[in-house]
C-alpha atoms as a PDB file:
ATOM      1  CA  UNK A   1      28.171   9.308  40.836  1.00  0.00           C
ATOM      2  CA  UNK A   2      28.838   8.919  37.158  1.00  0.00           C
ATOM      3  CA  UNK A   3      25.242  10.023  36.354  1.00  0.00           C
ATOM      4  CA  UNK A   4      25.654  13.133  38.524  1.00  0.00           C
ATOM      5  CA  UNK A   5      29.076  14.063  36.871  1.00  0.00           C
ATOM      6  CA  UNK A   6      27.567  13.114  33.484  1.00  0.00           C
ATOM      7  CA  UNK A   7      30.348  10.827  32.482  1.00  0.00           C
ATOM      8  CA  UNK A   8      30.475   7.216  31.283  1.00  0.00           C
ATOM      9  CA  UNK A   9      31.257   4.353  33.629  1.00  0.00           C
ATOM     10  CA  UNK A  10      33.932   3.177  31.181  1.00  0.00           C
ATOM     11  CA  UNK A  11      35.600   6.510  31.180  1.00  0.00           C
ATOM     12  CA  UNK A  12      35.516   6.649  35.043  1.00  0.00           C
ATOM     13  CA  UNK A  13      37.117   3.295  35.478  1.00  0.00           C
ATOM     14  CA  UNK A  14      39.742   4.076  32.761  1.00  0.00           C
ATOM     15  CA  UNK A  15      40.660   7.294  34.720  1.00  0.00           C
ATOM     16  CA  UNK A  16      41.116   5.244  37.980  1.00  0.00           C
ATOM     17  CA  UNK A  17      43.408   2.756  36.263  1.00  0.00           C
ATOM     18  CA  UNK A  18      45.321   5.431  34.425  1.00  0.00           C
ATOM     19  CA  UNK A  19      49.043   5.402  35.678  1.00  0.00           C
ATOM     20  CA  UNK A  20      50.486   8.503  37.331  1.00  0.00           C
ATOM     21  CA  UNK A  21      51.786  11.100  34.924  1.00  0.00           C
ATOM     22  CA  UNK A  22      55.551  11.366  34.443  1.00  0.00           C
ATOM     23  CA  UNK A  23      55.567  14.887  35.930  1.00  0.00           C
ATOM     24  CA  UNK A  24      53.673  13.703  39.030  1.00  0.00           C
ATOM     25  CA  UNK A  25      56.250  10.939  39.503  1.00  0.00           C
ATOM     26  CA  UNK A  26      59.042  13.366  39.183  1.00  0.00           C
ATOM     27  CA  UNK A  27      57.417  15.729  41.648  1.00  0.00           C
ATOM     28  CA  UNK A  28      57.300  12.985  44.173  1.00  0.00           C
ATOM     29  CA  UNK A  29      61.002  12.327  43.626  1.00  0.00           C
ATOM     30  CA  UNK A  30      61.816  16.034  43.766  1.00  0.00           C
ATOM     31  CA  UNK A  31      59.784  16.551  46.932  1.00  0.00           C
ATOM     32  CA  UNK A  32      61.861  13.805  48.636  1.00  0.00           C
ATOM     33  CA  UNK A  33      65.140  15.532  47.659  1.00  0.00           C
ATOM     34  CA  UNK A  34      63.744  18.932  48.811  1.00  0.00           C
ATOM     35  CA  UNK A  35      62.852  17.406  52.203  1.00  0.00           C
ATOM     36  CA  UNK A  36      66.287  15.936  52.503  1.00  0.00           C
ATOM     37  CA  UNK A  37      68.105  19.241  51.690  1.00  0.00           C
ATOM     38  CA  UNK A  38      65.666  21.234  53.909  1.00  0.00           C
ATOM     39  CA  UNK A  39      66.551  18.804  56.836  1.00  0.00           C
ATOM     40  CA  UNK A  40      70.331  18.993  56.232  1.00  0.00           C
ATOM     41  CA  UNK A  41      70.045  22.795  56.229  1.00  0.00           C
ATOM     42  CA  UNK A  42      68.457  22.685  59.658  1.00  0.00           C
ATOM     43  CA  UNK A  43      65.210  23.782  58.027  1.00  0.00           C
ATOM     44  CA  UNK A  44      66.736  27.164  57.094  1.00  0.00           C
ATOM     45  CA  UNK A  45      66.744  27.058  53.304  1.00  0.00           C
ATOM     46  CA  UNK A  46      64.023  28.696  51.272  1.00  0.00           C
ATOM     47  CA  UNK A  47      63.277  27.937  47.597  1.00  0.00           C
ATOM     48  CA  UNK A  48      66.332  29.856  46.202  1.00  0.00           C
ATOM     49  CA  UNK A  49      68.913  28.049  48.181  1.00  0.00           C
ATOM     50  CA  UNK A  50      67.166  24.682  47.782  1.00  0.00           C
ATOM     51  CA  UNK A  51      67.132  25.300  43.970  1.00  0.00           C
ATOM     52  CA  UNK A  52      70.878  25.977  44.107  1.00  0.00           C
ATOM     53  CA  UNK A  53      71.541  22.920  46.171  1.00  0.00           C
ATOM     54  CA  UNK A  54      69.620  20.747  43.681  1.00  0.00           C
ATOM     55  CA  UNK A  55      71.621  22.304  40.840  1.00  0.00           C
ATOM     56  CA  UNK A  56      74.798  21.304  42.785  1.00  0.00           C
ATOM     57  CA  UNK A  57      73.542  17.759  42.686  1.00  0.00           C
ATOM     58  CA  UNK A  58      72.936  17.938  38.984  1.00  0.00           C
ATOM     59  CA  UNK A  59      69.213  18.482  39.127  1.00  0.00           C
ATOM     60  CA  UNK A  60      68.068  21.583  37.145  1.00  0.00           C
ATOM     61  CA  UNK A  61      64.690  22.659  38.151  1.00  0.00           C
ATOM     62  CA  UNK A  62      62.950  26.097  38.142  1.00  0.00           C
ATOM     63  CA  UNK A  63      62.717  28.087  41.375  1.00  0.00           C
ATOM     64  CA  UNK A  64      58.957  28.555  40.955  1.00  0.00           C
ATOM     65  CA  UNK A  65      58.363  24.766  40.681  1.00  0.00           C
ATOM     66  CA  UNK A  66      60.440  24.309  43.994  1.00  0.00           C
ATOM     67  CA  UNK A  67      58.575  27.129  45.686  1.00  0.00           C
ATOM     68  CA  UNK A  68      55.184  25.616  44.677  1.00  0.00           C
ATOM     69  CA  UNK A  69      56.085  22.190  45.941  1.00  0.00           C
ATOM     70  CA  UNK A  70      57.437  23.660  49.231  1.00  0.00           C
ATOM     71  CA  UNK A  71      54.243  25.736  49.727  1.00  0.00           C
ATOM     72  CA  UNK A  72      51.933  22.832  48.956  1.00  0.00           C
ATOM     73  CA  UNK A  73      53.774  20.622  51.442  1.00  0.00           C
ATOM     74  CA  UNK A  74      54.234  23.293  54.139  1.00  0.00           C
ATOM     75  CA  UNK A  75      57.989  23.350  53.845  1.00  0.00           C
ATOM     76  CA  UNK A  76      59.212  26.691  55.058  1.00  0.00           C
ATOM     77  CA  UNK A  77      62.457  28.537  56.015  1.00  0.00           C
ATOM     78  CA  UNK A  78      62.965  29.864  59.412  1.00  0.00           C
ATOM     79  CA  UNK A  79      62.632  33.696  59.701  1.00  0.00           C
ATOM     80  CA  UNK A  80      65.033  36.076  61.337  1.00  0.00           C
ATOM     81  CA  UNK A  81      64.394  37.960  64.585  1.00  0.00           C
ATOM     82  CA  UNK A  82      66.039  41.166  65.760  1.00  0.00           C
ATOM     83  CA  UNK A  83      68.561  41.123  68.508  1.00  0.00           C
ATOM     84  CA  UNK A  84      69.998  43.876  70.774  1.00  0.00           C
ATOM     85  CA  UNK A  85      73.413  45.336  70.510  1.00  0.00           C
ATOM     86  CA  UNK A  86      76.187  44.558  72.949  1.00  0.00           C
ATOM     87  CA  UNK A  87      78.391  47.605  72.199  1.00  0.00           C
ATOM     88  CA  UNK A  88      79.653  49.854  75.013  1.00  0.00           C
ATOM     89  CA  UNK A  89      81.249  52.846  73.300  1.00  0.00           C
ATOM     90  CA  UNK A  90      81.464  55.029  76.444  1.00  0.00           C
ATOM     91  CA  UNK A  91      85.133  55.079  77.049  1.00  0.00           C
ATOM     92  CA  UNK A  92      88.119  57.280  76.638  1.00  0.00           C
ATOM     93  CA  UNK A  93      90.223  55.007  74.341  1.00  0.00           C
ATOM     94  CA  UNK A  94      91.114  56.261  70.782  1.00  0.00           C
ATOM     95  CA  UNK A  95      88.692  55.326  67.990  1.00  0.00           C
ATOM     96  CA  UNK A  96      89.979  54.257  64.543  1.00  0.00           C
ATOM     97  CA  UNK A  97      88.713  55.737  61.362  1.00  0.00           C
ATOM     98  CA  UNK A  98      86.015  53.882  59.430  1.00  0.00           C
ATOM     99  CA  UNK A  99      88.164  52.546  56.557  1.00  0.00           C
ATOM    100  CA  UNK A 100      85.569  50.177  55.077  1.00  0.00           C
ATOM    101  CA  UNK A 101      82.754  52.790  54.998  1.00  0.00           C
ATOM    102  CA  UNK A 102      80.296  49.924  54.256  1.00  0.00           C
ATOM    103  CA  UNK A 103      82.312  48.489  51.362  1.00  0.00           C
ATOM    104  CA  UNK A 104      82.382  44.763  52.333  1.00  0.00           C
ATOM    105  CA  UNK A 105      84.221  43.428  49.363  1.00  0.00           C
ATOM    106  CA  UNK A 106      87.505  41.621  49.578  1.00  0.00           C
ATOM    107  CA  UNK A 107      89.518  40.211  46.669  1.00  0.00           C
ATOM    108  CA  UNK A 108      91.715  37.748  48.548  1.00  0.00           C
ATOM    109  CA  UNK A 109      91.809  35.790  51.867  1.00  0.00           C
ATOM    110  CA  UNK A 110      92.977  37.663  54.979  1.00  0.00           C
ATOM    111  CA  UNK A 111      92.461  41.065  53.404  1.00  0.00           C
ATOM    112  CA  UNK A 112      89.588  42.242  55.573  1.00  0.00           C
ATOM    113  CA  UNK A 113      88.348  40.713  58.856  1.00  0.00           C
ATOM    114  CA  UNK A 114      85.178  41.840  60.696  1.00  0.00           C
ATOM    115  CA  UNK A 115      84.610  41.253  64.462  1.00  0.00           C
ATOM    116  CA  UNK A 116      81.764  41.601  66.911  1.00  0.00           C
ATOM    117  CA  UNK A 117      80.234  40.089  70.130  1.00  0.00           C
ATOM    118  CA  UNK A 118      76.841  38.686  70.680  1.00  0.00           C
ATOM    119  CA  UNK A 119      75.060  36.923  73.594  1.00  0.00           C
ATOM    120  CA  UNK A 120      73.310  33.515  74.070  1.00  0.00           C
ATOM    121  CA  UNK A 121      70.728  32.924  76.877  1.00  0.00           C
ATOM    122  CA  UNK A 122      70.981  29.776  78.934  1.00  0.00           C
ATOM    123  CA  UNK A 123      69.233  28.584  82.108  1.00  0.00           C
ATOM    124  CA  UNK A 124      72.567  29.320  83.956  1.00  0.00           C
ATOM    125  CA  UNK A 125      72.782  32.835  82.625  1.00  0.00           C
ATOM    126  CA  UNK A 126      74.265  34.593  79.595  1.00  0.00           C
ATOM    127  CA  UNK A 127      77.021  33.109  77.466  1.00  0.00           C
ATOM    128  CA  UNK A 128      78.952  35.527  75.249  1.00  0.00           C
ATOM    129  CA  UNK A 129      80.381  34.818  71.823  1.00  0.00           C
ATOM    130  CA  UNK A 130      83.061  36.923  70.130  1.00  0.00           C
ATOM    131  CA  UNK A 131      83.688  35.974  66.433  1.00  0.00           C
ATOM    132  CA  UNK A 132      85.744  37.079  63.517  1.00  0.00           C
ATOM    133  CA  UNK A 133      84.708  36.608  59.819  1.00  0.00           C
ATOM    134  CA  UNK A 134      86.950  36.827  56.724  1.00  0.00           C
ATOM    135  CA  UNK A 135      84.969  38.973  54.118  1.00  0.00           C
ATOM    136  CA  UNK A 136      86.620  37.179  51.240  1.00  0.00           C
ATOM    137  CA  UNK A 137      84.995  33.752  51.865  1.00  0.00           C
ATOM    138  CA  UNK A 138      82.615  34.690  54.773  1.00  0.00           C
ATOM    139  CA  UNK A 139      84.281  32.034  56.861  1.00  0.00           C
ATOM    140  CA  UNK A 140      84.363  32.254  60.663  1.00  0.00           C
ATOM    141  CA  UNK A 141      88.132  32.232  61.142  1.00  0.00           C
ATOM    142  CA  UNK A 142      88.187  32.854  64.913  1.00  0.00           C
ATOM    143  CA  UNK A 143      85.689  32.646  67.883  1.00  0.00           C
ATOM    144  CA  UNK A 144      85.715  32.428  71.622  1.00  0.00           C
ATOM    145  CA  UNK A 145      83.050  32.144  74.341  1.00  0.00           C
ATOM    146  CA  UNK A 146      82.921  33.120  77.951  1.00  0.00           C
ATOM    147  CA  UNK A 147      80.461  33.985  80.790  1.00  0.00           C
ATOM    148  CA  UNK A 148      81.642  37.695  80.654  1.00  0.00           C
ATOM    149  CA  UNK A 149      81.865  40.100  77.802  1.00  0.00           C
ATOM    150  CA  UNK A 150      85.557  41.126  78.362  1.00  0.00           C
ATOM    151  CA  UNK A 151      88.388  42.396  76.165  1.00  0.00           C
ATOM    152  CA  UNK A 152      90.123  39.032  76.919  1.00  0.00           C
ATOM    153  CA  UNK A 153      87.176  37.261  75.163  1.00  0.00           C
ATOM    154  CA  UNK A 154      87.785  39.297  71.995  1.00  0.00           C
ATOM    155  CA  UNK A 155      91.532  38.821  72.267  1.00  0.00           C
ATOM    156  CA  UNK A 156      91.095  35.023  72.482  1.00  0.00           C
ATOM    157  CA  UNK A 157      88.956  35.020  69.230  1.00  0.00           C
ATOM    158  CA  UNK A 158      91.555  37.235  67.496  1.00  0.00           C
ATOM    159  CA  UNK A 159      94.451  35.047  68.489  1.00  0.00           C
ATOM    160  CA  UNK A 160      92.651  31.993  67.413  1.00  0.00           C
ATOM    161  CA  UNK A 161      92.058  33.496  63.973  1.00  0.00           C
ATOM    162  CA  UNK A 162      95.669  34.548  63.703  1.00  0.00           C
ATOM    163  CA  UNK A 163      96.936  31.126  64.678  1.00  0.00           C
ATOM    164  CA  UNK A 164      94.638  29.499  62.177  1.00  0.00           C
ATOM    165  CA  UNK A 165      95.078  31.781  59.221  1.00  0.00           C
ATOM    166  CA  UNK A 166      98.734  33.026  59.644  1.00  0.00           C
ATOM    167  CA  UNK A 167      97.991  36.208  57.891  1.00  0.00           C
ATOM    168  CA  UNK A 168     100.679  38.526  56.426  1.00  0.00           C
ATOM    169  CA  UNK A 169     100.828  42.130  57.375  1.00  0.00           C
ATOM    170  CA  UNK A 170      98.230  44.565  56.215  1.00  0.00           C
ATOM    171  CA  UNK A 171      94.989  42.849  57.231  1.00  0.00           C
ATOM    172  CA  UNK A 172      92.232  45.457  57.859  1.00  0.00           C
ATOM    173  CA  UNK A 173      90.440  44.635  61.112  1.00  0.00           C
ATOM    174  CA  UNK A 174      86.996  46.156  61.331  1.00  0.00           C
ATOM    175  CA  UNK A 175      84.826  46.202  64.494  1.00  0.00           C
ATOM    176  CA  UNK A 176      82.425  48.523  66.321  1.00  0.00           C
ATOM    177  CA  UNK A 177      83.952  51.115  68.744  1.00  0.00           C
ATOM    178  CA  UNK A 178      83.238  49.157  71.824  1.00  0.00           C
ATOM    179  CA  UNK A 179      85.565  49.229  74.775  1.00  0.00           C
ATOM    180  CA  UNK A 180      86.754  45.667  74.145  1.00  0.00           C
ATOM    181  CA  UNK A 181      88.077  46.494  70.711  1.00  0.00           C
ATOM    182  CA  UNK A 182      89.305  49.947  71.519  1.00  0.00           C
ATOM    183  CA  UNK A 183      91.218  48.781  74.634  1.00  0.00           C
ATOM    184  CA  UNK A 184      95.055  49.041  74.630  1.00  0.00           C
ATOM    185  CA  UNK A 185      95.418  45.389  75.080  1.00  0.00           C
ATOM    186  CA  UNK A 186      93.430  44.529  71.929  1.00  0.00           C
ATOM    187  CA  UNK A 187      95.008  47.202  69.871  1.00  0.00           C
ATOM    188  CA  UNK A 188      98.403  45.955  70.958  1.00  0.00           C
ATOM    189  CA  UNK A 189      97.695  42.544  69.521  1.00  0.00           C
ATOM    190  CA  UNK A 190      96.548  44.151  66.240  1.00  0.00           C
ATOM    191  CA  UNK A 191      99.655  46.316  65.975  1.00  0.00           C
ATOM    192  CA  UNK A 192     102.067  43.535  66.812  1.00  0.00           C
ATOM    193  CA  UNK A 193     100.598  41.515  63.942  1.00  0.00           C
ATOM    194  CA  UNK A 194     100.596  44.296  61.381  1.00  0.00           C
ATOM    195  CA  UNK A 195      96.862  44.856  61.293  1.00  0.00           C
ATOM    196  CA  UNK A 196      95.200  48.193  60.399  1.00  0.00           C
ATOM    197  CA  UNK A 197      92.254  48.989  62.644  1.00  0.00           C
ATOM    198  CA  UNK A 198      88.874  50.207  61.378  1.00  0.00           C
ATOM    199  CA  UNK A 199      85.860  51.055  63.385  1.00  0.00           C
ATOM    200  CA  UNK A 200      82.113  51.808  62.737  1.00  0.00           C
ATOM    201  CA  UNK A 201      80.595  55.046  63.292  1.00  0.00           C
ATOM    202  CA  UNK A 202      78.789  55.595  66.604  1.00  0.00           C
ATOM    203  CA  UNK A 203      75.430  53.870  66.651  1.00  0.00           C
ATOM    204  CA  UNK A 204      75.479  52.789  63.037  1.00  0.00           C
ATOM    205  CA  UNK A 205      74.881  48.989  62.801  1.00  0.00           C
ATOM    206  CA  UNK A 206      75.143  49.057  59.113  1.00  0.00           C
ATOM    207  CA  UNK A 207      78.806  49.922  59.275  1.00  0.00           C
ATOM    208  CA  UNK A 208      79.383  46.234  60.459  1.00  0.00           C
ATOM    209  CA  UNK A 209      76.457  44.635  58.565  1.00  0.00           C
ATOM    210  CA  UNK A 210      78.258  41.432  57.736  1.00  0.00           C
ATOM    211  CA  UNK A 211      78.833  40.557  61.334  1.00  0.00           C
ATOM    212  CA  UNK A 212      75.325  41.547  62.142  1.00  0.00           C
ATOM    213  CA  UNK A 213      74.154  39.208  59.408  1.00  0.00           C
ATOM    214  CA  UNK A 214      76.201  36.328  60.665  1.00  0.00           C
ATOM    215  CA  UNK A 215      74.909  36.689  64.269  1.00  0.00           C
ATOM    216  CA  UNK A 216      71.395  37.013  62.888  1.00  0.00           C
ATOM    217  CA  UNK A 217      71.758  33.755  60.934  1.00  0.00           C
ATOM    218  CA  UNK A 218      73.248  31.998  63.951  1.00  0.00           C
ATOM    219  CA  UNK A 219      70.389  33.111  66.208  1.00  0.00           C
ATOM    220  CA  UNK A 220      67.664  32.328  63.668  1.00  0.00           C
ATOM    221  CA  UNK A 221      69.012  28.916  62.813  1.00  0.00           C
ATOM    222  CA  UNK A 222      70.080  27.769  66.305  1.00  0.00           C
ATOM    223  CA  UNK A 223      69.743  30.091  69.260  1.00  0.00           C
ATOM    224  CA  UNK A 224      66.103  31.030  68.980  1.00  0.00           C
ATOM    225  CA  UNK A 225      65.099  27.384  68.441  1.00  0.00           C
ATOM    226  CA  UNK A 226      66.871  25.943  71.415  1.00  0.00           C
ATOM    227  CA  UNK A 227      66.584  26.255  75.097  1.00  0.00           C
ATOM    228  CA  UNK A 228      70.076  25.585  76.636  1.00  0.00           C
ATOM    229  CA  UNK A 229      70.021  24.228  80.159  1.00  0.00           C
ATOM    230  CA  UNK A 230      73.640  24.877  80.721  1.00  0.00           C
ATOM    231  CA  UNK A 231      76.458  27.027  79.174  1.00  0.00           C
ATOM    232  CA  UNK A 232      78.358  23.899  78.228  1.00  0.00           C
ATOM    233  CA  UNK A 233      75.391  22.702  76.249  1.00  0.00           C
ATOM    234  CA  UNK A 234      75.312  26.054  74.429  1.00  0.00           C
ATOM    235  CA  UNK A 235      79.112  25.944  73.873  1.00  0.00           C
ATOM    236  CA  UNK A 236      78.904  22.464  72.149  1.00  0.00           C
ATOM    237  CA  UNK A 237      75.941  23.459  69.995  1.00  0.00           C
ATOM    238  CA  UNK A 238      77.597  26.695  68.807  1.00  0.00           C
ATOM    239  CA  UNK A 239      80.919  24.920  68.143  1.00  0.00           C
ATOM    240  CA  UNK A 240      79.091  22.328  65.974  1.00  0.00           C
ATOM    241  CA  UNK A 241      77.077  25.071  64.142  1.00  0.00           C
ATOM    242  CA  UNK A 242      80.122  27.115  63.306  1.00  0.00           C
ATOM    243  CA  UNK A 243      82.794  24.570  62.551  1.00  0.00           C
ATOM    244  CA  UNK A 244      80.588  21.815  61.010  1.00  0.00           C
ATOM    245  CA  UNK A 245      77.560  23.512  59.518  1.00  0.00           C
ATOM    246  CA  UNK A 246      78.204  27.103  58.747  1.00  0.00           C
ATOM    247  CA  UNK A 247      81.790  26.977  57.554  1.00  0.00           C
ATOM    248  CA  UNK A 248      81.520  23.631  55.619  1.00  0.00           C
ATOM    249  CA  UNK A 249      77.900  23.008  54.659  1.00  0.00           C
ATOM    250  CA  UNK A 250      75.765  26.051  54.548  1.00  0.00           C
ATOM    251  CA  UNK A 251      75.335  27.643  51.192  1.00  0.00           C
ATOM    252  CA  UNK A 252      76.124  31.388  51.122  1.00  0.00           C
ATOM    253  CA  UNK A 253      74.401  33.556  48.561  1.00  0.00           C
ATOM    254  CA  UNK A 254      77.343  35.937  48.361  1.00  0.00           C
ATOM    255  CA  UNK A 255      79.633  33.023  47.379  1.00  0.00           C
ATOM    256  CA  UNK A 256      77.480  31.758  44.512  1.00  0.00           C
ATOM    257  CA  UNK A 257      75.665  29.386  46.792  1.00  0.00           C
ATOM    258  CA  UNK A 258      78.805  27.647  48.013  1.00  0.00           C
ATOM    259  CA  UNK A 259      79.935  27.097  51.587  1.00  0.00           C
ATOM    260  CA  UNK A 260      82.874  29.123  52.819  1.00  0.00           C
ATOM    261  CA  UNK A 261      85.222  26.149  52.851  1.00  0.00           C
ATOM    262  CA  UNK A 262      84.116  24.910  49.387  1.00  0.00           C
ATOM    263  CA  UNK A 263      84.505  28.530  47.919  1.00  0.00           C
ATOM    264  CA  UNK A 264      88.010  28.656  49.619  1.00  0.00           C
ATOM    265  CA  UNK A 265      89.107  25.343  48.076  1.00  0.00           C
ATOM    266  CA  UNK A 266      87.898  26.205  44.659  1.00  0.00           C
ATOM    267  CA  UNK A 267      89.625  29.522  44.546  1.00  0.00           C
ATOM    268  CA  UNK A 268      92.906  28.001  45.854  1.00  0.00           C
ATOM    269  CA  UNK A 269      92.749  25.398  42.994  1.00  0.00           C
ATOM    270  CA  UNK A 270      92.049  28.221  40.417  1.00  0.00           C
END
C-alpha cells in the first residue's frame, strides 16, 4: 500500500501513531454536548438554538461549526407542518376592532394577551385546547382542554390566566372573531376584569400570528410525533409540554434565546 501511495513505511506508521489533533478532541466533546442539548430540546433545536444553548453554558462556538457537526452526524431539527383553522365567525355577536393590527410587541407583563383554540387527534376522537399567551414573555399563562370546542372551554382558559397572573385593569385581549370569543359570556368575563377586547380581521391568520406560531410549535414538537390512544394520554402530554418544557426550558428566539420563565425572572430582578 505504501508503494501504491508512494510514501515511506516510516511515515505511514508515524501517521498511525500520531495522537488525535486538539480540534478533533474538542469536536468529540462538542458533539456530545450537542447531542445532549438536542435530546433535552425534544430534537427540536437547530444550529442557531443549540449555539445559544451552548453559549448559556459558557461554551462559545461558531454557528457554522455547530451546523457542520450536526450535518455530519445527521442531527436535525423537526420541521413544522400546516394545520387547519378552528374559527367559526358566522355569528351575530358584535366584533371588536383590531387594536393590535399585527403589532405584537409588549413592554411589560399582562399588557397584551393573545388567545386561540386548536385541536389534537386521539384514537378516542378530538381533544380541543384553548390557550392564552402573554406577548411580553411569550409565556402560556392560561389553558384548558375539553372534548368539545365551546365558549366554556375558552372561558376556563381565561379564568385560569386571570387567577394565575392577577392582572390589573387595561389588559388588551386579542383573539380571532370566532363565536366562542365573541359570545356574551366570554365578553362578560373580559369586561368584569377590565380587559379591552381586540379581534383579528376575517380570514386573516396573520392578525394572530403569535398564537398560530405557538400552536405550530406544539404540533411540530409533540402532536405530530405522537399517536395518543386516549384523550387522557394527550392531556398529560400537553400539560407536561406547556408547563414543564415550553414555559420553563425551551429557548425562545424573541426572548434572546431564553425560556419565558427565565426571561420573566431576569426582568423582575432588573
